[in-house]
């Protein structure tokens, strides 16, 4: 959301969202890399210990190293 309360637009403030994961179940080498939105669902599946959907992308651990 921007300073005017707008969201859902094309500005950086509307599109870039921080993701903080605090978990012992996540690999310790993860850094501050920028990930693609399509990586979120497979990451959540990984965190929950469930199989990702067949159409979901594989997790790109190299990008996540930041």
C-alpha atoms as a PDB file:
ATOM      1  CA  UNK A   1       0.000   0.000   0.000  1.00  0.00           C
ATOM      2  CA  UNK A   2       1.284   3.468  -0.794  1.00  0.00           C
ATOM      3  CA  UNK A   3       1.131   6.671   1.260  1.00  0.00           C
ATOM      4  CA  UNK A   4      -2.318   7.472  -0.172  1.00  0.00           C
ATOM      5  CA  UNK A   5      -3.882   4.120   0.796  1.00  0.00           C
ATOM      6  CA  UNK A   6      -3.855   2.763  -2.752  1.00  0.00           C
ATOM      7  CA  UNK A   7      -2.913  -0.825  -3.533  1.00  0.00           C
ATOM      8  CA  UNK A   8      -3.071  -3.263  -6.421  1.00  0.00           C
ATOM      9  CA  UNK A   9      -1.382  -0.953  -8.927  1.00  0.00           C
ATOM     10  CA  UNK A  10       1.840  -1.152 -10.892  1.00  0.00           C
ATOM     11  CA  UNK A  11       4.033   0.953  -8.586  1.00  0.00           C
ATOM     12  CA  UNK A  12       6.794  -0.715  -6.592  1.00  0.00           C
ATOM     13  CA  UNK A  13       4.923   0.036  -3.363  1.00  0.00           C
ATOM     14  CA  UNK A  14       1.944  -1.886  -4.703  1.00  0.00           C
ATOM     15  CA  UNK A  15       3.809  -4.913  -6.025  1.00  0.00           C
ATOM     16  CA  UNK A  16       6.823  -5.597  -3.809  1.00  0.00           C
ATOM     17  CA  UNK A  17       5.930  -7.403  -0.592  1.00  0.00           C
ATOM     18  CA  UNK A  18       8.371  -8.615   2.052  1.00  0.00           C
ATOM     19  CA  UNK A  19       8.097 -12.223   3.148  1.00  0.00           C
ATOM     20  CA  UNK A  20       9.505 -13.136   6.534  1.00  0.00           C
ATOM     21  CA  UNK A  21       9.717 -16.825   7.400  1.00  0.00           C
ATOM     22  CA  UNK A  22      10.658 -17.815  10.922  1.00  0.00           C
ATOM     23  CA  UNK A  23      11.004 -21.577  11.011  1.00  0.00           C
ATOM     24  CA  UNK A  24      13.469 -24.265  11.961  1.00  0.00           C
ATOM     25  CA  UNK A  25      12.053 -26.253   9.040  1.00  0.00           C
ATOM     26  CA  UNK A  26      13.434 -23.916   6.382  1.00  0.00           C
ATOM     27  CA  UNK A  27      16.964 -24.354   5.077  1.00  0.00           C
ATOM     28  CA  UNK A  28      19.392 -22.030   6.869  1.00  0.00           C
ATOM     29  CA  UNK A  29      21.071 -20.801   3.661  1.00  0.00           C
ATOM     30  CA  UNK A  30      18.078 -18.726   2.558  1.00  0.00           C
ATOM     31  CA  UNK A  31      18.946 -15.079   2.145  1.00  0.00           C
ATOM     32  CA  UNK A  32      17.296 -11.928   0.959  1.00  0.00           C
ATOM     33  CA  UNK A  33      16.832 -12.799  -2.706  1.00  0.00           C
ATOM     34  CA  UNK A  34      13.893 -11.571  -4.728  1.00  0.00           C
ATOM     35  CA  UNK A  35      11.618 -14.435  -5.690  1.00  0.00           C
ATOM     36  CA  UNK A  36       8.942 -14.815  -8.310  1.00  0.00           C
ATOM     37  CA  UNK A  37       5.346 -14.857  -7.108  1.00  0.00           C
ATOM     38  CA  UNK A  38       4.961 -18.348  -8.593  1.00  0.00           C
ATOM     39  CA  UNK A  39       7.493 -19.605  -6.034  1.00  0.00           C
ATOM     40  CA  UNK A  40       5.255 -18.759  -3.067  1.00  0.00           C
ATOM     41  CA  UNK A  41       2.832 -21.698  -3.315  1.00  0.00           C
ATOM     42  CA  UNK A  42       5.580 -24.350  -3.616  1.00  0.00           C
ATOM     43  CA  UNK A  43       7.418 -22.758  -0.686  1.00  0.00           C
ATOM     44  CA  UNK A  44       4.275 -22.879   1.460  1.00  0.00           C
ATOM     45  CA  UNK A  45       3.759 -26.529   0.487  1.00  0.00           C
ATOM     46  CA  UNK A  46       7.377 -27.248   1.441  1.00  0.00           C
ATOM     47  CA  UNK A  47       6.893 -25.529   4.803  1.00  0.00           C
ATOM     48  CA  UNK A  48       3.712 -27.531   5.463  1.00  0.00           C
ATOM     49  CA  UNK A  49       5.384 -30.793   4.482  1.00  0.00           C
ATOM     50  CA  UNK A  50       2.918 -31.533   1.696  1.00  0.00           C
ATOM     51  CA  UNK A  51       3.459 -32.300  -1.980  1.00  0.00           C
ATOM     52  CA  UNK A  52       3.179 -29.345  -4.306  1.00  0.00           C
ATOM     53  CA  UNK A  53       0.653 -29.438  -7.116  1.00  0.00           C
ATOM     54  CA  UNK A  54       1.795 -30.938 -10.404  1.00  0.00           C
ATOM     55  CA  UNK A  55       1.445 -27.599 -12.205  1.00  0.00           C
ATOM     56  CA  UNK A  56       3.428 -25.670  -9.594  1.00  0.00           C
ATOM     57  CA  UNK A  57       6.984 -24.655 -10.327  1.00  0.00           C
ATOM     58  CA  UNK A  58       9.917 -26.309  -8.612  1.00  0.00           C
ATOM     59  CA  UNK A  59      11.464 -24.236  -5.842  1.00  0.00           C
ATOM     60  CA  UNK A  60      14.478 -22.363  -7.192  1.00  0.00           C
ATOM     61  CA  UNK A  61      16.837 -22.685  -4.217  1.00  0.00           C
ATOM     62  CA  UNK A  62      19.602 -20.774  -6.047  1.00  0.00           C
ATOM     63  CA  UNK A  63      17.440 -17.642  -6.311  1.00  0.00           C
ATOM     64  CA  UNK A  64      16.416 -17.978  -2.686  1.00  0.00           C
ATOM     65  CA  UNK A  65      20.030 -17.896  -1.525  1.00  0.00           C
ATOM     66  CA  UNK A  66      20.070 -14.165  -2.308  1.00  0.00           C
END
